[in-house]
N, C-alpha and C. Protein backbone atom coordinates (compact mmCIF):
# COMPACT_ATOMS: atom_id res chain seq x y z
N MET A 1 108.85 110.77 120.66
CA MET A 1 109.86 110.06 119.87
C MET A 1 111.11 110.93 119.74
N SER A 2 112.24 110.37 120.12
CA SER A 2 113.49 111.12 120.03
C SER A 2 113.99 111.15 118.59
N PHE A 3 114.92 112.06 118.33
CA PHE A 3 115.49 112.18 116.99
C PHE A 3 116.26 110.91 116.63
N GLU A 4 116.94 110.31 117.62
CA GLU A 4 117.69 109.08 117.37
C GLU A 4 116.77 107.94 116.95
N ILE A 5 115.62 107.84 117.60
CA ILE A 5 114.66 106.79 117.24
C ILE A 5 114.11 107.04 115.83
N TRP A 6 113.86 108.30 115.51
CA TRP A 6 113.37 108.63 114.17
C TRP A 6 114.41 108.25 113.11
N LEU A 7 115.69 108.50 113.38
CA LEU A 7 116.74 108.13 112.44
C LEU A 7 116.80 106.61 112.25
N THR A 8 116.61 105.88 113.34
CA THR A 8 116.58 104.41 113.24
C THR A 8 115.42 103.96 112.37
N TYR A 9 114.28 104.60 112.57
CA TYR A 9 113.10 104.29 111.75
C TYR A 9 113.36 104.61 110.28
N LEU A 10 113.98 105.76 110.01
CA LEU A 10 114.29 106.16 108.64
C LEU A 10 115.21 105.13 107.99
N ALA A 11 116.22 104.67 108.72
CA ALA A 11 117.13 103.66 108.18
C ALA A 11 116.40 102.36 107.89
N THR A 12 115.44 102.01 108.75
CA THR A 12 114.64 100.79 108.53
C THR A 12 113.81 100.90 107.27
N VAL A 13 113.18 102.04 107.06
CA VAL A 13 112.36 102.25 105.87
C VAL A 13 113.22 102.23 104.61
N LEU A 14 114.39 102.86 104.66
CA LEU A 14 115.29 102.87 103.51
C LEU A 14 115.73 101.46 103.15
N ALA A 15 116.02 100.65 104.17
CA ALA A 15 116.42 99.26 103.92
C ALA A 15 115.28 98.48 103.29
N PHE A 16 114.06 98.77 103.74
CA PHE A 16 112.89 98.10 103.19
C PHE A 16 112.66 98.48 101.73
N MET A 17 112.98 99.71 101.36
CA MET A 17 112.71 100.22 100.02
C MET A 17 113.75 99.80 98.99
N ILE A 18 114.88 99.29 99.43
CA ILE A 18 115.96 98.97 98.50
C ILE A 18 115.51 97.95 97.46
N THR A 19 114.76 96.94 97.90
CA THR A 19 114.25 95.93 96.96
C THR A 19 112.96 96.44 96.32
N PRO A 20 112.92 96.58 94.98
CA PRO A 20 111.72 97.11 94.32
C PRO A 20 110.53 96.17 94.48
N GLY A 21 109.37 96.74 94.78
CA GLY A 21 108.15 95.97 94.91
C GLY A 21 107.25 96.18 93.70
N PRO A 22 106.04 95.64 93.76
CA PRO A 22 105.11 95.77 92.63
C PRO A 22 104.83 97.22 92.23
N SER A 23 104.69 98.09 93.21
CA SER A 23 104.39 99.50 92.89
C SER A 23 105.55 100.17 92.17
N HIS A 24 106.79 99.81 92.53
CA HIS A 24 107.95 100.38 91.86
C HIS A 24 108.04 99.88 90.42
N LEU A 25 107.73 98.60 90.21
CA LEU A 25 107.75 98.06 88.85
C LEU A 25 106.64 98.70 88.01
N LEU A 26 105.50 98.93 88.61
CA LEU A 26 104.41 99.61 87.89
C LEU A 26 104.83 101.03 87.51
N MET A 27 105.52 101.70 88.41
CA MET A 27 106.00 103.06 88.13
C MET A 27 106.97 103.04 86.96
N LEU A 28 107.85 102.05 86.92
CA LEU A 28 108.78 101.91 85.80
C LEU A 28 108.01 101.74 84.49
N SER A 29 107.01 100.87 84.52
CA SER A 29 106.23 100.60 83.32
C SER A 29 105.51 101.84 82.82
N ASN A 30 104.82 102.54 83.72
CA ASN A 30 104.03 103.70 83.29
C ASN A 30 104.90 104.87 82.87
N SER A 31 106.05 105.02 83.50
CA SER A 31 106.94 106.10 83.09
C SER A 31 107.55 105.83 81.73
N LEU A 32 107.84 104.56 81.46
CA LEU A 32 108.36 104.19 80.14
C LEU A 32 107.36 104.48 79.04
N THR A 33 106.11 104.12 79.28
CA THR A 33 105.11 104.18 78.22
C THR A 33 104.32 105.49 78.15
N HIS A 34 104.20 106.20 79.26
CA HIS A 34 103.38 107.41 79.30
C HIS A 34 104.17 108.68 79.61
N GLY A 35 105.42 108.53 80.05
CA GLY A 35 106.21 109.68 80.42
C GLY A 35 106.26 109.87 81.92
N PHE A 36 107.26 110.62 82.38
CA PHE A 36 107.49 110.76 83.82
C PHE A 36 106.37 111.54 84.51
N ARG A 37 106.00 112.68 83.96
CA ARG A 37 105.00 113.52 84.64
C ARG A 37 103.65 112.81 84.78
N PRO A 38 103.11 112.22 83.71
CA PRO A 38 101.84 111.48 83.90
C PRO A 38 101.97 110.33 84.90
N SER A 39 103.15 109.69 84.93
CA SER A 39 103.33 108.55 85.83
C SER A 39 103.33 108.96 87.30
N LEU A 40 103.50 110.24 87.56
CA LEU A 40 103.43 110.71 88.95
C LEU A 40 102.04 110.47 89.53
N ALA A 41 101.02 110.38 88.65
CA ALA A 41 99.67 110.04 89.12
C ALA A 41 99.66 108.62 89.68
N THR A 42 100.46 107.73 89.10
CA THR A 42 100.59 106.37 89.60
C THR A 42 101.20 106.38 90.99
N ALA A 43 102.24 107.19 91.17
CA ALA A 43 102.87 107.31 92.48
C ALA A 43 101.87 107.86 93.50
N ALA A 44 101.07 108.83 93.06
CA ALA A 44 100.06 109.41 93.96
C ALA A 44 99.04 108.36 94.38
N GLY A 45 98.64 107.50 93.44
CA GLY A 45 97.69 106.44 93.78
C GLY A 45 98.27 105.47 94.79
N ASP A 46 99.53 105.10 94.59
CA ASP A 46 100.20 104.20 95.53
C ASP A 46 100.27 104.82 96.92
N LEU A 47 100.67 106.08 96.99
CA LEU A 47 100.81 106.74 98.29
C LEU A 47 99.45 106.94 98.96
N THR A 48 98.41 107.15 98.16
CA THR A 48 97.06 107.28 98.73
C THR A 48 96.65 105.98 99.41
N ALA A 49 96.89 104.86 98.72
CA ALA A 49 96.57 103.55 99.32
C ALA A 49 97.38 103.33 100.58
N ASN A 50 98.66 103.70 100.55
CA ASN A 50 99.50 103.56 101.74
C ASN A 50 98.96 104.38 102.91
N ALA A 51 98.49 105.59 102.60
CA ALA A 51 97.96 106.44 103.66
C ALA A 51 96.73 105.81 104.30
N PHE A 52 95.84 105.23 103.48
CA PHE A 52 94.68 104.55 104.03
C PHE A 52 95.09 103.33 104.86
N GLN A 53 96.11 102.61 104.40
CA GLN A 53 96.59 101.43 105.12
C GLN A 53 97.18 101.82 106.47
N MET A 54 97.91 102.93 106.49
CA MET A 54 98.46 103.41 107.75
C MET A 54 97.35 103.83 108.70
N LEU A 55 96.35 104.51 108.15
CA LEU A 55 95.23 104.94 108.98
C LEU A 55 94.50 103.73 109.56
N ALA A 56 94.31 102.70 108.72
CA ALA A 56 93.66 101.48 109.19
C ALA A 56 94.47 100.83 110.30
N ALA A 57 95.80 100.83 110.13
CA ALA A 57 96.66 100.26 111.16
C ALA A 57 96.54 101.06 112.46
N GLY A 58 96.51 102.38 112.31
CA GLY A 58 96.39 103.22 113.49
C GLY A 58 95.07 103.08 114.20
N LEU A 59 94.03 102.73 113.46
CA LEU A 59 92.71 102.56 114.06
C LEU A 59 92.48 101.14 114.58
N GLY A 60 93.50 100.29 114.46
CA GLY A 60 93.40 98.95 115.02
C GLY A 60 92.61 97.97 114.18
N LEU A 61 92.63 98.17 112.81
CA LEU A 61 91.87 97.27 111.96
C LEU A 61 92.70 96.07 111.47
N ALA A 62 93.95 96.00 111.87
CA ALA A 62 94.82 94.92 111.39
C ALA A 62 94.25 93.56 111.74
N ALA A 63 93.77 93.41 112.98
CA ALA A 63 93.24 92.11 113.40
C ALA A 63 92.03 91.71 112.57
N LEU A 64 91.21 92.70 112.20
CA LEU A 64 90.03 92.42 111.38
C LEU A 64 90.43 91.91 110.00
N LEU A 65 91.46 92.53 109.41
CA LEU A 65 91.91 92.12 108.09
C LEU A 65 92.50 90.72 108.11
N VAL A 66 93.25 90.42 109.17
CA VAL A 66 93.83 89.09 109.29
C VAL A 66 92.72 88.04 109.37
N ALA A 67 91.64 88.35 110.09
CA ALA A 67 90.53 87.41 110.24
C ALA A 67 89.80 87.18 108.91
N SER A 68 89.79 88.17 108.05
CA SER A 68 89.09 88.07 106.77
C SER A 68 90.03 87.52 105.70
N HIS A 69 90.55 86.32 105.93
CA HIS A 69 91.56 85.75 105.03
C HIS A 69 91.03 85.56 103.61
N ASN A 70 89.83 85.04 103.47
CA ASN A 70 89.27 84.78 102.14
C ASN A 70 89.10 86.06 101.35
N ALA A 71 88.62 87.11 102.01
CA ALA A 71 88.45 88.39 101.33
C ALA A 71 89.79 88.95 100.88
N LEU A 72 90.81 88.81 101.72
CA LEU A 72 92.14 89.29 101.36
C LEU A 72 92.66 88.57 100.12
N THR A 73 92.46 87.26 100.09
CA THR A 73 92.95 86.46 98.97
C THR A 73 92.30 86.89 97.66
N VAL A 74 91.00 87.12 97.69
CA VAL A 74 90.28 87.55 96.49
C VAL A 74 90.81 88.88 96.00
N VAL A 75 90.99 89.83 96.90
CA VAL A 75 91.48 91.16 96.52
C VAL A 75 92.86 91.08 95.91
N LYS A 76 93.73 90.29 96.52
CA LYS A 76 95.10 90.21 96.03
C LYS A 76 95.18 89.55 94.65
N TRP A 77 94.46 88.45 94.45
CA TRP A 77 94.52 87.78 93.16
C TRP A 77 93.83 88.61 92.07
N ALA A 78 92.84 89.40 92.45
CA ALA A 78 92.21 90.31 91.48
C ALA A 78 93.23 91.34 91.00
N GLY A 79 94.06 91.83 91.91
CA GLY A 79 95.11 92.77 91.54
C GLY A 79 96.14 92.13 90.64
N VAL A 80 96.51 90.88 90.91
CA VAL A 80 97.46 90.16 90.07
C VAL A 80 96.91 90.01 88.66
N ALA A 81 95.65 89.56 88.56
CA ALA A 81 95.03 89.35 87.25
C ALA A 81 94.95 90.65 86.45
N TYR A 82 94.64 91.74 87.13
CA TYR A 82 94.52 93.05 86.46
C TYR A 82 95.86 93.46 85.85
N LEU A 83 96.95 93.29 86.61
CA LEU A 83 98.25 93.69 86.10
C LEU A 83 98.71 92.79 84.95
N VAL A 84 98.44 91.49 85.04
CA VAL A 84 98.80 90.57 83.96
C VAL A 84 98.05 90.96 82.69
N TRP A 85 96.75 91.25 82.82
CA TRP A 85 95.95 91.64 81.66
C TRP A 85 96.50 92.91 81.02
N MET A 86 96.85 93.91 81.85
CA MET A 86 97.40 95.14 81.31
C MET A 86 98.74 94.90 80.61
N GLY A 87 99.58 94.04 81.20
CA GLY A 87 100.88 93.75 80.61
C GLY A 87 100.76 93.04 79.28
N ILE A 88 99.87 92.05 79.19
CA ILE A 88 99.66 91.32 77.94
C ILE A 88 99.13 92.25 76.86
N ARG A 89 98.18 93.09 77.22
CA ARG A 89 97.61 94.03 76.24
C ARG A 89 98.68 94.99 75.73
N MET A 90 99.53 95.46 76.63
CA MET A 90 100.59 96.38 76.23
C MET A 90 101.58 95.69 75.29
N TRP A 91 101.92 94.43 75.59
CA TRP A 91 102.85 93.68 74.74
C TRP A 91 102.27 93.49 73.34
N ARG A 92 101.00 93.13 73.28
CA ARG A 92 100.37 92.90 71.99
C ARG A 92 100.28 94.19 71.17
N ASN A 93 100.00 95.29 71.84
CA ASN A 93 99.89 96.57 71.13
C ASN A 93 101.25 97.10 70.69
N ALA A 94 102.33 96.62 71.35
CA ALA A 94 103.67 97.11 71.03
C ALA A 94 104.05 96.79 69.59
N GLY A 95 103.49 95.73 69.03
CA GLY A 95 103.78 95.38 67.64
C GLY A 95 103.14 96.32 66.65
N HIS A 96 102.23 97.14 67.12
CA HIS A 96 101.54 98.11 66.26
C HIS A 96 101.86 99.50 66.80
N THR A 97 102.84 100.14 66.22
CA THR A 97 103.36 101.40 66.76
C THR A 97 102.27 102.43 66.98
N ASN A 98 101.37 102.59 66.01
CA ASN A 98 100.31 103.60 66.14
C ASN A 98 99.38 103.26 67.30
N SER A 99 99.03 101.98 67.44
CA SER A 99 98.14 101.58 68.53
C SER A 99 98.79 101.82 69.87
N ALA A 100 100.09 101.51 69.97
CA ALA A 100 100.80 101.71 71.23
C ALA A 100 100.88 103.18 71.57
N ALA A 101 101.17 104.01 70.55
CA ALA A 101 101.26 105.46 70.80
C ALA A 101 99.92 106.01 71.22
N ASN A 102 98.84 105.57 70.54
CA ASN A 102 97.50 106.05 70.89
C ASN A 102 97.11 105.62 72.30
N ALA A 103 97.47 104.39 72.69
CA ALA A 103 97.15 103.91 74.03
C ALA A 103 97.88 104.74 75.07
N ALA A 104 99.13 105.10 74.78
CA ALA A 104 99.90 105.91 75.72
C ALA A 104 99.28 107.29 75.87
N ARG A 105 98.84 107.88 74.74
CA ARG A 105 98.27 109.22 74.81
C ARG A 105 96.90 109.22 75.49
N SER A 106 96.16 108.12 75.30
CA SER A 106 94.78 108.10 75.80
C SER A 106 94.68 107.78 77.29
N ALA A 107 95.77 107.34 77.90
CA ALA A 107 95.73 107.00 79.32
C ALA A 107 95.50 108.28 80.14
N SER A 108 94.42 108.31 80.87
CA SER A 108 94.11 109.49 81.67
C SER A 108 94.86 109.42 82.99
N LEU A 109 94.98 110.58 83.64
CA LEU A 109 95.62 110.62 84.95
C LEU A 109 94.84 109.79 85.96
N ALA A 110 93.51 109.79 85.81
CA ALA A 110 92.67 108.99 86.73
C ALA A 110 92.97 107.51 86.58
N MET A 111 93.18 107.08 85.33
CA MET A 111 93.50 105.68 85.09
C MET A 111 94.86 105.32 85.69
N LEU A 112 95.85 106.18 85.50
CA LEU A 112 97.18 105.92 86.04
C LEU A 112 97.14 105.94 87.57
N TRP A 113 96.35 106.86 88.14
CA TRP A 113 96.21 106.91 89.60
C TRP A 113 95.57 105.62 90.11
N SER A 114 94.53 105.15 89.42
CA SER A 114 93.83 103.95 89.88
C SER A 114 94.73 102.73 89.79
N GLN A 115 95.61 102.67 88.79
CA GLN A 115 96.55 101.56 88.71
C GLN A 115 97.47 101.54 89.92
N GLY A 116 97.99 102.71 90.29
CA GLY A 116 98.86 102.78 91.46
C GLY A 116 98.12 102.43 92.74
N PHE A 117 96.88 102.92 92.86
CA PHE A 117 96.09 102.65 94.06
C PHE A 117 95.77 101.17 94.18
N LEU A 118 95.30 100.57 93.08
CA LEU A 118 94.90 99.16 93.11
C LEU A 118 96.08 98.24 93.35
N THR A 119 97.24 98.58 92.77
CA THR A 119 98.42 97.74 92.97
C THR A 119 98.84 97.73 94.43
N SER A 120 98.80 98.90 95.07
CA SER A 120 99.16 98.96 96.49
C SER A 120 98.07 98.36 97.35
N ALA A 121 96.81 98.62 97.02
CA ALA A 121 95.70 98.09 97.81
C ALA A 121 95.57 96.58 97.68
N ALA A 122 96.15 96.01 96.60
CA ALA A 122 96.09 94.56 96.40
C ALA A 122 96.97 93.82 97.40
N ASN A 123 97.67 94.56 98.23
CA ASN A 123 98.46 93.96 99.29
C ASN A 123 97.93 94.44 100.63
N PRO A 124 96.72 94.00 101.02
CA PRO A 124 96.10 94.51 102.25
C PRO A 124 96.89 94.19 103.51
N LYS A 125 97.78 93.20 103.44
CA LYS A 125 98.56 92.88 104.63
C LYS A 125 99.59 93.97 104.94
N ALA A 126 99.66 94.99 104.06
CA ALA A 126 100.49 96.14 104.39
C ALA A 126 99.98 96.79 105.67
N VAL A 127 98.66 96.68 105.91
CA VAL A 127 98.09 97.21 107.16
C VAL A 127 98.74 96.52 108.35
N VAL A 128 98.89 95.19 108.24
CA VAL A 128 99.51 94.42 109.31
C VAL A 128 100.98 94.83 109.46
N PHE A 129 101.64 95.08 108.30
CA PHE A 129 103.04 95.51 108.33
C PHE A 129 103.18 96.82 109.10
N PHE A 130 102.33 97.80 108.77
CA PHE A 130 102.41 99.08 109.47
C PHE A 130 102.05 98.92 110.95
N ALA A 131 101.07 98.05 111.22
CA ALA A 131 100.65 97.84 112.60
C ALA A 131 101.76 97.20 113.42
N ALA A 132 102.61 96.41 112.76
CA ALA A 132 103.73 95.77 113.45
C ALA A 132 104.96 96.69 113.52
N LEU A 133 105.13 97.53 112.49
CA LEU A 133 106.31 98.38 112.42
C LEU A 133 106.22 99.59 113.35
N PHE A 134 105.12 100.30 113.29
CA PHE A 134 105.01 101.56 114.01
C PHE A 134 105.22 101.45 115.52
N PRO A 135 104.63 100.44 116.18
CA PRO A 135 104.79 100.36 117.64
C PRO A 135 106.24 100.24 118.10
N GLN A 136 107.12 99.75 117.20
CA GLN A 136 108.53 99.61 117.56
C GLN A 136 109.20 100.97 117.79
N PHE A 137 108.60 102.02 117.25
CA PHE A 137 109.25 103.33 117.30
C PHE A 137 108.40 104.38 118.02
N ILE A 138 107.30 103.97 118.60
CA ILE A 138 106.42 104.91 119.29
C ILE A 138 106.68 104.85 120.80
N ASP A 139 106.94 105.99 121.39
CA ASP A 139 107.16 106.09 122.83
C ASP A 139 105.81 106.17 123.53
N PRO A 140 105.48 105.16 124.36
CA PRO A 140 104.16 105.16 125.02
C PRO A 140 103.99 106.31 126.01
N ASN A 141 105.09 106.95 126.39
CA ASN A 141 105.03 108.06 127.33
C ASN A 141 104.78 109.40 126.65
N MET A 142 104.69 109.38 125.34
CA MET A 142 104.45 110.60 124.58
C MET A 142 103.13 110.49 123.83
N SER A 143 102.62 111.62 123.37
CA SER A 143 101.35 111.64 122.64
C SER A 143 101.44 110.77 121.39
N PHE A 144 100.40 109.97 121.15
CA PHE A 144 100.41 109.01 120.04
C PHE A 144 100.29 109.69 118.68
N VAL A 145 99.36 110.62 118.54
CA VAL A 145 99.04 111.19 117.23
C VAL A 145 100.24 111.85 116.56
N PRO A 146 101.00 112.74 117.25
CA PRO A 146 102.15 113.35 116.59
C PRO A 146 103.18 112.32 116.13
N GLN A 147 103.40 111.29 116.95
CA GLN A 147 104.36 110.26 116.58
C GLN A 147 103.87 109.46 115.37
N PHE A 148 102.57 109.12 115.38
CA PHE A 148 101.98 108.38 114.27
C PHE A 148 102.09 109.18 112.98
N LEU A 149 101.81 110.47 113.04
CA LEU A 149 101.90 111.33 111.86
C LEU A 149 103.35 111.42 111.37
N ALA A 150 104.30 111.53 112.28
CA ALA A 150 105.70 111.62 111.89
C ALA A 150 106.16 110.35 111.17
N LEU A 151 105.78 109.20 111.71
CA LEU A 151 106.16 107.93 111.09
C LEU A 151 105.49 107.78 109.72
N SER A 152 104.22 108.13 109.63
CA SER A 152 103.48 107.99 108.37
C SER A 152 104.02 108.92 107.30
N ILE A 153 104.21 110.18 107.65
CA ILE A 153 104.71 111.17 106.68
C ILE A 153 106.11 110.80 106.21
N THR A 154 106.95 110.34 107.12
CA THR A 154 108.31 109.93 106.75
C THR A 154 108.27 108.80 105.73
N TYR A 155 107.43 107.81 106.00
CA TYR A 155 107.32 106.67 105.07
C TYR A 155 106.84 107.13 103.70
N LEU A 156 105.81 107.98 103.67
CA LEU A 156 105.25 108.44 102.41
C LEU A 156 106.27 109.25 101.61
N ILE A 157 107.05 110.08 102.29
CA ILE A 157 108.06 110.89 101.61
C ILE A 157 109.14 109.99 101.01
N VAL A 158 109.63 109.05 101.79
CA VAL A 158 110.68 108.15 101.30
C VAL A 158 110.16 107.31 100.13
N ASP A 159 108.96 106.77 100.27
CA ASP A 159 108.38 105.98 99.19
C ASP A 159 108.18 106.83 97.94
N GLY A 160 107.71 108.06 98.13
CA GLY A 160 107.52 108.96 96.99
C GLY A 160 108.82 109.26 96.27
N LEU A 161 109.90 109.44 97.03
CA LEU A 161 111.20 109.70 96.43
C LEU A 161 111.70 108.50 95.63
N PHE A 162 111.49 107.30 96.19
CA PHE A 162 111.90 106.09 95.48
C PHE A 162 111.09 105.92 94.20
N LEU A 163 109.77 106.11 94.30
CA LEU A 163 108.92 105.99 93.11
C LEU A 163 109.33 107.01 92.04
N SER A 164 109.61 108.22 92.46
CA SER A 164 110.01 109.27 91.51
C SER A 164 111.35 108.94 90.84
N SER A 165 112.28 108.38 91.62
CA SER A 165 113.58 108.03 91.05
C SER A 165 113.45 106.91 90.04
N TYR A 166 112.60 105.92 90.34
CA TYR A 166 112.35 104.85 89.38
C TYR A 166 111.72 105.42 88.11
N GLY A 167 110.73 106.31 88.29
CA GLY A 167 110.06 106.89 87.14
C GLY A 167 110.98 107.73 86.29
N ALA A 168 111.84 108.54 86.94
CA ALA A 168 112.77 109.39 86.20
C ALA A 168 113.78 108.54 85.42
N SER A 169 114.24 107.46 86.03
CA SER A 169 115.19 106.57 85.35
C SER A 169 114.55 105.93 84.13
N ALA A 170 113.29 105.47 84.27
CA ALA A 170 112.60 104.85 83.14
C ALA A 170 112.34 105.87 82.03
N ASN A 171 112.02 107.10 82.41
CA ASN A 171 111.76 108.14 81.41
C ASN A 171 113.04 108.47 80.63
N TRP A 172 114.17 108.46 81.34
CA TRP A 172 115.47 108.69 80.67
C TRP A 172 115.73 107.58 79.66
N LEU A 173 115.45 106.33 80.05
CA LEU A 173 115.64 105.20 79.14
C LEU A 173 114.73 105.32 77.93
N ALA A 174 113.48 105.70 78.16
CA ALA A 174 112.53 105.84 77.05
C ALA A 174 113.00 106.91 76.06
N ALA A 175 113.58 108.01 76.59
CA ALA A 175 114.07 109.08 75.72
C ALA A 175 115.22 108.59 74.84
N LYS A 176 116.04 107.70 75.38
CA LYS A 176 117.16 107.15 74.62
C LYS A 176 116.69 106.18 73.54
N LEU A 177 115.49 105.61 73.72
CA LEU A 177 114.99 104.60 72.80
C LEU A 177 113.88 105.12 71.91
N LYS A 178 113.81 106.41 71.73
CA LYS A 178 112.74 106.98 70.89
C LYS A 178 112.96 106.62 69.42
N GLY A 179 111.95 106.89 68.64
CA GLY A 179 112.04 106.63 67.21
C GLY A 179 111.60 105.22 66.88
N ASN A 180 112.47 104.48 66.19
CA ASN A 180 112.13 103.14 65.75
C ASN A 180 112.04 102.15 66.91
N ALA A 181 112.47 102.57 68.09
CA ALA A 181 112.47 101.66 69.23
C ALA A 181 111.21 101.80 70.08
N THR A 182 110.17 102.44 69.55
CA THR A 182 108.93 102.62 70.31
C THR A 182 108.36 101.30 70.78
N ALA A 183 108.34 100.32 69.88
CA ALA A 183 107.79 99.01 70.24
C ALA A 183 108.60 98.39 71.38
N LEU A 184 109.93 98.56 71.33
CA LEU A 184 110.77 98.01 72.39
C LEU A 184 110.46 98.66 73.72
N VAL A 185 110.23 99.97 73.71
CA VAL A 185 109.90 100.69 74.94
C VAL A 185 108.64 100.11 75.56
N HIS A 186 107.61 99.87 74.74
CA HIS A 186 106.35 99.35 75.26
C HIS A 186 106.48 97.91 75.71
N ARG A 187 107.34 97.14 75.05
CA ARG A 187 107.53 95.75 75.48
C ARG A 187 108.29 95.71 76.80
N ILE A 188 109.25 96.60 76.97
CA ILE A 188 109.94 96.67 78.26
C ILE A 188 108.95 97.05 79.35
N GLY A 189 108.07 98.02 79.03
CA GLY A 189 107.05 98.42 80.01
C GLY A 189 106.13 97.28 80.37
N SER A 190 105.77 96.46 79.36
CA SER A 190 104.87 95.32 79.64
C SER A 190 105.56 94.29 80.51
N VAL A 191 106.86 94.11 80.33
CA VAL A 191 107.62 93.17 81.17
C VAL A 191 107.61 93.64 82.62
N PHE A 192 107.82 94.94 82.84
CA PHE A 192 107.78 95.47 84.20
C PHE A 192 106.39 95.29 84.81
N LEU A 193 105.36 95.49 83.99
CA LEU A 193 103.99 95.38 84.48
C LEU A 193 103.68 93.94 84.90
N ILE A 194 104.06 92.98 84.04
CA ILE A 194 103.85 91.57 84.39
C ILE A 194 104.74 91.18 85.56
N GLY A 195 105.94 91.80 85.63
CA GLY A 195 106.81 91.56 86.78
C GLY A 195 106.17 91.98 88.08
N ALA A 196 105.45 93.10 88.04
CA ALA A 196 104.73 93.56 89.23
C ALA A 196 103.67 92.53 89.63
N ALA A 197 102.98 91.96 88.62
CA ALA A 197 101.95 90.94 88.89
C ALA A 197 102.58 89.69 89.50
N VAL A 198 103.71 89.26 88.94
CA VAL A 198 104.39 88.06 89.46
C VAL A 198 104.83 88.29 90.90
N THR A 199 105.35 89.49 91.18
CA THR A 199 105.79 89.81 92.54
C THR A 199 104.62 89.75 93.51
N LEU A 200 103.47 90.33 93.11
CA LEU A 200 102.28 90.26 93.95
C LEU A 200 101.82 88.83 94.15
N GLY A 201 101.86 88.04 93.07
CA GLY A 201 101.43 86.65 93.17
C GLY A 201 102.30 85.84 94.10
N LEU A 202 103.61 86.04 94.03
CA LEU A 202 104.53 85.32 94.92
C LEU A 202 104.30 85.71 96.37
N LYS A 203 104.04 87.02 96.61
CA LYS A 203 103.76 87.46 97.96
C LYS A 203 102.47 86.80 98.48
N THR A 204 101.48 86.67 97.60
CA THR A 204 100.21 86.05 98.00
C THR A 204 100.42 84.59 98.35
N LEU A 205 101.20 83.89 97.53
CA LEU A 205 101.49 82.47 97.80
C LEU A 205 102.25 82.30 99.10
N ARG A 206 103.22 83.18 99.35
CA ARG A 206 103.98 83.09 100.61
C ARG A 206 103.08 83.34 101.82
N ASP A 207 102.19 84.34 101.67
CA ASP A 207 101.29 84.66 102.79
C ASP A 207 100.33 83.51 103.07
N GLY A 208 99.96 82.76 102.01
CA GLY A 208 99.02 81.68 102.18
C GLY A 208 99.65 80.39 102.65
N ALA A 209 100.99 80.35 102.63
CA ALA A 209 101.68 79.12 103.02
C ALA A 209 101.55 78.84 104.49
C-alpha cells in the first residue's frame, strides 16, 4: 500500500467519523455522568469490539454473518433495548441527586467497558462494512497482513481520537454544570444514551428494509 493510498483511506475514515454514531453518543453520556477518565473504559470497549469485527472481516466471516439475518436482528435489538433501559433509569435517578451521584460512583470500569463493547457489537454488520472497505485500499501485489494491520490500526486510532474528543467535551460541560445542576447533567446524559439507542434502532430498520 502506497502512502497516497493510505492518505485516501485516512480521509475516507475521517469523513465517516464526522457524523456521530451510537458509540459516540454513549461516550458523551458516560463522560457526562462518570467523568472523562472512567469513560475511557467505554472507548476501550468500543475499540475492542471494532478490533474483533475487523478480524472477522479479515477472516472472511462477513458472508456468514449476512446469512444469519435472524441472529443479527436479535443481537441488534437487544442492544437497543439495553441502551433504552439504561437511559430511562438514568433519567429517573436524575430527580434524586444522591441516587444519581451514587450510581455514577458505583459504575465500575468493567461495566463502562461492557457498555462500549455491547453498543459496538450490537451493529454486527460493521463486519460487512470493514469487509467492503478494506479491499478498496489493499494492493493485491503486496503482502496482505501488513496492509490489513495498517488499515485496522489507523481506523482504531482515528476512532479513539474521536471518542476521546467527545468525552473531553462532555466532561468540560459537566464541570460547568456542577453543583445544583447535577440532575441536569444526568438528564443530558440519559438523552444521549437514548439517542444512541434510537440511532441503533434506525440503522436496524434501514438494514431490514
